[in-house]
Amino acid sequence: MAIATMGVVVLDCPDPKALAEFYARVLGWQVVPDEERADEWVEVADPGSGCRLAFQASPGYLPPRWPSLERAQQLHLDFDVPRERLDEAEREVVALGARLVQGDGGGERDFRVYLDPAGHPFCLCVCAS
């Protein structure tokens, strides 16, 4: 029997609402309204599965430096994209504020690495269509 069940992954950031809106657009999820805590905690949820991501205000937040051991990443998120949509997905996340930091080597790797608007690394990974 499991000791616990997975609740939510939480990312520290300077502006929870802005980062929640970024990921809601990337994932096609919905921002969960909670005006009482909107300055310090905002969640996005997948209406179909109930999966959630949360964003927590962190005064003095310093983003990881990728790829570096100085202020190294503590975690990253992988998002699956069909190979034929990878270039389109890249254009869309960049338009939303992401920054490409490592390409796929002309197709040699099955992932590309980006930084979200707060500097957290995430990958668009090729999945089966």
Protein backbone atom coordinates (compact mmCIF):
# COMPACT_ATOMS: atom_id res chain seq x y z
CA MET A 1 0.00 0.00 0.00
CA ALA A 2 1.27 3.47 -0.87
CA ILE A 3 2.30 5.77 1.95
CA ALA A 4 0.88 8.78 0.12
CA THR A 5 -0.53 9.93 -3.19
CA MET A 6 0.91 12.62 -5.43
CA GLY A 7 -0.63 16.01 -4.74
CA VAL A 8 0.88 18.87 -6.69
CA VAL A 9 4.28 19.94 -8.03
CA VAL A 10 5.10 23.47 -6.84
CA LEU A 11 7.49 25.88 -8.54
CA ASP A 12 8.89 28.92 -6.70
CA CYS A 13 8.79 32.12 -8.73
CA PRO A 14 8.56 35.90 -8.43
CA ASP A 15 5.06 36.19 -10.00
CA PRO A 16 2.80 33.15 -9.44
CA LYS A 17 -0.09 34.47 -11.52
CA ALA A 18 2.05 35.20 -14.58
CA LEU A 19 3.82 31.84 -14.44
CA ALA A 20 0.53 29.99 -13.90
CA GLU A 21 -0.90 31.68 -16.98
CA PHE A 22 2.19 30.65 -19.00
CA TYR A 23 1.84 26.97 -18.06
CA ALA A 24 -1.95 27.00 -18.46
CA ARG A 25 -1.43 28.13 -22.06
CA VAL A 26 1.37 25.61 -22.70
CA LEU A 27 -0.67 22.69 -21.35
CA GLY A 28 -4.19 23.81 -22.30
CA TRP A 29 -5.11 23.65 -18.61
CA GLN A 30 -7.10 26.11 -16.52
CA VAL A 31 -5.95 28.54 -13.86
CA VAL A 32 -7.76 27.66 -10.63
CA PRO A 33 -9.24 30.88 -9.24
CA ASP A 34 -8.36 31.74 -5.63
CA GLU A 35 -8.28 35.51 -5.30
CA GLU A 36 -7.43 35.35 -1.59
CA ARG A 37 -4.03 33.80 -2.28
CA ALA A 38 -3.36 34.97 -5.87
CA ASP A 39 -0.30 37.03 -4.89
CA GLU A 40 1.38 34.08 -3.17
CA TRP A 41 -0.04 30.82 -4.62
CA VAL A 42 -1.72 29.99 -7.94
CA GLU A 43 -2.60 26.56 -9.36
CA VAL A 44 -3.35 25.29 -12.83
CA ALA A 45 -5.31 22.08 -13.36
CA ASP A 46 -6.13 19.67 -16.15
CA PRO A 47 -9.93 19.47 -16.08
CA GLY A 48 -9.86 15.91 -17.44
CA SER A 49 -7.33 14.25 -15.14
CA GLY A 50 -7.21 16.56 -12.15
CA CYS A 51 -3.40 16.85 -12.43
CA ARG A 52 -2.15 20.14 -11.04
CA LEU A 53 0.87 22.43 -10.99
CA ALA A 54 1.21 25.20 -8.42
CA PHE A 55 3.27 28.38 -8.38
CA GLN A 56 4.42 29.93 -5.12
CA ALA A 57 5.75 33.44 -4.57
CA SER A 58 9.33 33.38 -3.40
CA PRO A 59 10.79 36.75 -2.35
CA GLY A 60 14.36 36.98 -3.58
CA TYR A 61 13.83 34.15 -6.06
CA LEU A 62 16.93 33.40 -8.14
CA PRO A 63 16.38 31.17 -11.17
CA PRO A 64 18.63 28.18 -11.76
CA ARG A 65 21.50 28.63 -14.19
CA TRP A 66 21.17 25.99 -16.84
CA PRO A 67 23.38 24.13 -17.56
CA SER A 68 25.55 24.89 -14.57
CA LEU A 69 26.23 23.57 -11.11
CA GLU A 70 26.14 27.13 -9.80
CA ARG A 71 22.46 27.54 -8.82
CA ALA A 72 21.77 24.21 -10.50
CA GLN A 73 18.29 23.13 -11.46
CA GLN A 74 16.50 21.24 -8.73
CA LEU A 75 13.91 19.76 -11.06
CA HIS A 76 12.58 20.24 -14.56
CA LEU A 77 9.36 19.42 -16.36
CA ASP A 78 9.13 17.28 -19.51
CA PHE A 79 6.23 17.83 -21.92
CA ASP A 80 5.50 15.31 -24.66
CA VAL A 81 4.94 16.56 -28.20
CA PRO A 82 4.47 14.51 -31.40
CA ARG A 83 7.59 14.82 -33.59
CA GLU A 84 5.62 16.44 -36.42
CA ARG A 85 4.46 19.22 -34.04
CA LEU A 86 7.82 19.91 -32.37
CA ASP A 87 8.73 23.00 -34.43
CA GLU A 88 5.21 24.41 -34.06
CA ALA A 89 5.25 23.73 -30.29
CA GLU A 90 8.58 25.53 -30.04
CA ARG A 91 7.21 28.61 -31.82
CA GLU A 92 4.22 28.62 -29.48
CA VAL A 93 6.15 28.34 -26.19
CA VAL A 94 8.63 30.97 -27.35
CA ALA A 95 5.75 33.30 -28.25
CA LEU A 96 4.43 32.78 -24.69
CA GLY A 97 7.77 33.83 -23.18
CA ALA A 98 9.96 30.71 -23.09
CA ARG A 99 13.58 30.81 -24.26
CA LEU A 100 15.32 27.97 -26.12
CA VAL A 101 18.61 27.11 -24.40
CA GLN A 102 19.47 23.78 -26.04
CA GLY A 103 18.20 22.53 -29.37
CA ASP A 104 17.86 18.92 -30.42
CA GLY A 105 21.12 18.88 -32.37
CA GLY A 106 19.34 18.81 -35.73
CA GLY A 107 17.22 15.86 -34.63
CA GLU A 108 20.03 13.92 -32.90
CA ARG A 109 18.20 14.16 -29.55
CA ASP A 110 14.51 13.65 -28.84
CA PHE A 111 14.16 16.77 -26.70
CA ARG A 112 14.78 20.51 -26.66
CA VAL A 113 15.44 22.49 -23.48
CA TYR A 114 13.79 25.84 -22.68
CA LEU A 115 13.60 28.24 -19.76
CA ASP A 116 10.15 29.44 -18.71
CA PRO A 117 9.61 33.16 -18.02
CA ALA A 118 10.88 32.72 -14.43
CA GLY A 119 13.95 30.74 -15.54
CA HIS A 120 12.86 27.16 -14.70
CA PRO A 121 14.08 24.62 -17.26
CA PHE A 122 11.57 22.47 -19.12
CA CYS A 123 11.79 20.20 -22.14
CA LEU A 124 9.65 19.54 -25.15
CA CYS A 125 10.18 15.82 -25.72
CA VAL A 126 9.30 13.82 -28.80
CA CYS A 127 6.60 11.25 -28.15
CA ALA A 128 4.82 8.77 -30.38
CA SER A 129 2.06 10.44 -32.39
